[in-house]
Amino acid sequence: MMGISLVPAFRSVKAQGHDILCNEHFGAKYIRKGGWKMVAHPGKQWQLYKIQDDETETYDVAADHQDIVAELDLLWSKWARINQVIPK
């Protein structure tokens, strides 16, 4: 199984987290990498947030950072293929 062990957390030891987190749930999807989080609701475009500056994910900055959107979209698509998320 892919992932990082939860054992350190059970032992109250600070553990290293994932560099990239991806998820899909009922057609909604997200990817988080570094200080960026990109989300999309079913049938909608990606929205991009700089979460260290916008913890409540209020200001979509996708239009200003198309390079980040393209990078994260590629990473999410790769993750989705590897984990058989798409095609359904």
C-alpha atoms as a PDB file:
ATOM      1  CA  MET A   1       0.000   0.000   0.000  1.00  0.00           C
ATOM      2  CA  MET A   2       1.300   3.445  -0.917  1.00  0.00           C
ATOM      3  CA  GLY A   3       1.770   6.066   1.758  1.00  0.00           C
ATOM      4  CA  ILE A   4       3.684   6.961   4.891  1.00  0.00           C
ATOM      5  CA  SER A   5       3.310   4.985   8.101  1.00  0.00           C
ATOM      6  CA  LEU A   6       1.091   6.420  10.846  1.00  0.00           C
ATOM      7  CA  VAL A   7       3.042   4.586  13.558  1.00  0.00           C
ATOM      8  CA  PRO A   8       5.101   7.665  14.579  1.00  0.00           C
ATOM      9  CA  ALA A   9       1.874   9.632  15.135  1.00  0.00           C
ATOM     10  CA  PHE A  10       0.542   6.853  17.380  1.00  0.00           C
ATOM     11  CA  ARG A  11       3.752   7.114  19.381  1.00  0.00           C
ATOM     12  CA  SER A  12       3.431  10.928  19.660  1.00  0.00           C
ATOM     13  CA  VAL A  13       6.551  11.389  17.559  1.00  0.00           C
ATOM     14  CA  LYS A  14       6.647  14.181  14.999  1.00  0.00           C
ATOM     15  CA  ALA A  15       6.550  12.497  11.623  1.00  0.00           C
ATOM     16  CA  GLN A  16       7.383  13.751   8.171  1.00  0.00           C
ATOM     17  CA  GLY A  17       4.277  14.272   6.083  1.00  0.00           C
ATOM     18  CA  HIS A  18       3.725  13.843   2.371  1.00  0.00           C
ATOM     19  CA  ASP A  19       5.260  16.326  -0.059  1.00  0.00           C
ATOM     20  CA  ILE A  20       2.125  16.124  -2.206  1.00  0.00           C
ATOM     21  CA  LEU A  21      -1.424  15.224  -1.161  1.00  0.00           C
ATOM     22  CA  CYS A  22      -4.133  14.341  -3.677  1.00  0.00           C
ATOM     23  CA  ASN A  23      -7.737  13.314  -3.241  1.00  0.00           C
ATOM     24  CA  GLU A  24     -10.945  12.726  -5.170  1.00  0.00           C
ATOM     25  CA  HIS A  25     -14.371  12.335  -3.595  1.00  0.00           C
ATOM     26  CA  PHE A  26     -17.618  12.127  -5.584  1.00  0.00           C
ATOM     27  CA  GLY A  27     -16.020  14.020  -8.471  1.00  0.00           C
ATOM     28  CA  ALA A  28     -14.509  16.791  -6.338  1.00  0.00           C
ATOM     29  CA  LYS A  29     -10.720  16.788  -6.318  1.00  0.00           C
ATOM     30  CA  TYR A  30      -7.779  18.522  -4.731  1.00  0.00           C
ATOM     31  CA  ILE A  31      -4.016  18.564  -4.714  1.00  0.00           C
ATOM     32  CA  ARG A  32      -1.775  20.211  -2.161  1.00  0.00           C
ATOM     33  CA  LYS A  33       1.932  20.824  -2.695  1.00  0.00           C
ATOM     34  CA  GLY A  34       4.069  23.137  -0.637  1.00  0.00           C
ATOM     35  CA  GLY A  35       2.188  26.360   0.016  1.00  0.00           C
ATOM     36  CA  TRP A  36      -0.320  25.748  -2.775  1.00  0.00           C
ATOM     37  CA  LYS A  37      -3.699  24.013  -2.770  1.00  0.00           C
ATOM     38  CA  MET A  38      -5.775  23.505  -5.874  1.00  0.00           C
ATOM     39  CA  VAL A  39      -9.400  22.325  -5.744  1.00  0.00           C
ATOM     40  CA  ALA A  40     -12.135  21.647  -8.271  1.00  0.00           C
ATOM     41  CA  HIS A  41     -15.768  20.758  -7.782  1.00  0.00           C
ATOM     42  CA  PRO A  42     -17.374  18.374 -10.303  1.00  0.00           C
ATOM     43  CA  GLY A  43     -17.585  19.990 -13.735  1.00  0.00           C
ATOM     44  CA  LYS A  44     -15.767  23.148 -12.576  1.00  0.00           C
ATOM     45  CA  GLN A  45     -12.319  24.590 -13.306  1.00  0.00           C
ATOM     46  CA  TRP A  46      -9.432  24.295 -10.887  1.00  0.00           C
ATOM     47  CA  GLN A  47      -9.212  27.006  -8.208  1.00  0.00           C
ATOM     48  CA  LEU A  48      -5.781  27.782  -6.757  1.00  0.00           C
ATOM     49  CA  TYR A  49      -5.012  29.077  -3.280  1.00  0.00           C
ATOM     50  CA  LYS A  50      -1.764  30.195  -1.682  1.00  0.00           C
ATOM     51  CA  ILE A  51      -2.654  28.664   1.661  1.00  0.00           C
ATOM     52  CA  GLN A  52       0.114  30.197   3.764  1.00  0.00           C
ATOM     53  CA  ASP A  53      -1.365  33.623   2.932  1.00  0.00           C
ATOM     54  CA  ASP A  54      -5.022  32.567   2.580  1.00  0.00           C
ATOM     55  CA  GLU A  55      -5.835  29.855   5.130  1.00  0.00           C
ATOM     56  CA  THR A  56      -9.573  30.132   4.498  1.00  0.00           C
ATOM     57  CA  GLU A  57      -9.142  29.599   0.752  1.00  0.00           C
ATOM     58  CA  THR A  58     -11.034  32.756  -0.089  1.00  0.00           C
ATOM     59  CA  TYR A  59      -8.992  34.194  -2.974  1.00  0.00           C
ATOM     60  CA  ASP A  60      -8.631  32.093  -6.122  1.00  0.00           C
ATOM     61  CA  VAL A  61      -5.296  33.060  -7.722  1.00  0.00           C
ATOM     62  CA  ALA A  62      -5.385  30.550 -10.610  1.00  0.00           C
ATOM     63  CA  ALA A  63      -5.560  33.276 -13.269  1.00  0.00           C
ATOM     64  CA  ASP A  64      -2.345  34.828 -11.931  1.00  0.00           C
ATOM     65  CA  HIS A  65      -0.422  31.533 -11.651  1.00  0.00           C
ATOM     66  CA  GLN A  66      -1.219  29.440 -14.725  1.00  0.00           C
ATOM     67  CA  ASP A  67       2.208  27.783 -14.485  1.00  0.00           C
ATOM     68  CA  ILE A  68       1.377  26.438 -11.003  1.00  0.00           C
ATOM     69  CA  VAL A  69      -2.083  25.320 -12.197  1.00  0.00           C
ATOM     70  CA  ALA A  70      -0.511  23.402 -15.098  1.00  0.00           C
ATOM     71  CA  GLU A  71       2.103  21.771 -12.849  1.00  0.00           C
ATOM     72  CA  LEU A  72      -0.394  20.714 -10.192  1.00  0.00           C
ATOM     73  CA  ASP A  73      -2.921  19.522 -12.785  1.00  0.00           C
ATOM     74  CA  LEU A  74      -0.257  17.274 -14.311  1.00  0.00           C
ATOM     75  CA  LEU A  75       0.698  15.897 -10.875  1.00  0.00           C
ATOM     76  CA  TRP A  76      -2.959  15.266  -9.950  1.00  0.00           C
ATOM     77  CA  SER A  77      -3.606  13.509 -13.274  1.00  0.00           C
ATOM     78  CA  LYS A  78      -0.546  11.291 -12.778  1.00  0.00           C
ATOM     79  CA  TRP A  79      -1.686  10.432  -9.238  1.00  0.00           C
ATOM     80  CA  ALA A  80      -5.215   9.694 -10.499  1.00  0.00           C
ATOM     81  CA  ARG A  81      -3.936   7.296 -13.186  1.00  0.00           C
ATOM     82  CA  ILE A  82      -1.560   5.483 -10.820  1.00  0.00           C
ATOM     83  CA  ASN A  83      -4.305   5.065  -8.219  1.00  0.00           C
ATOM     84  CA  GLN A  84      -6.986   4.148 -10.779  1.00  0.00           C
ATOM     85  CA  VAL A  85      -9.126   7.162  -9.901  1.00  0.00           C
ATOM     86  CA  ILE A  86      -9.618   7.872 -13.593  1.00  0.00           C
ATOM     87  CA  PRO A  87     -11.154   6.600 -15.687  1.00  0.00           C
ATOM     88  CA  LYS A  88     -14.022   5.520 -13.436  1.00  0.00           C
END
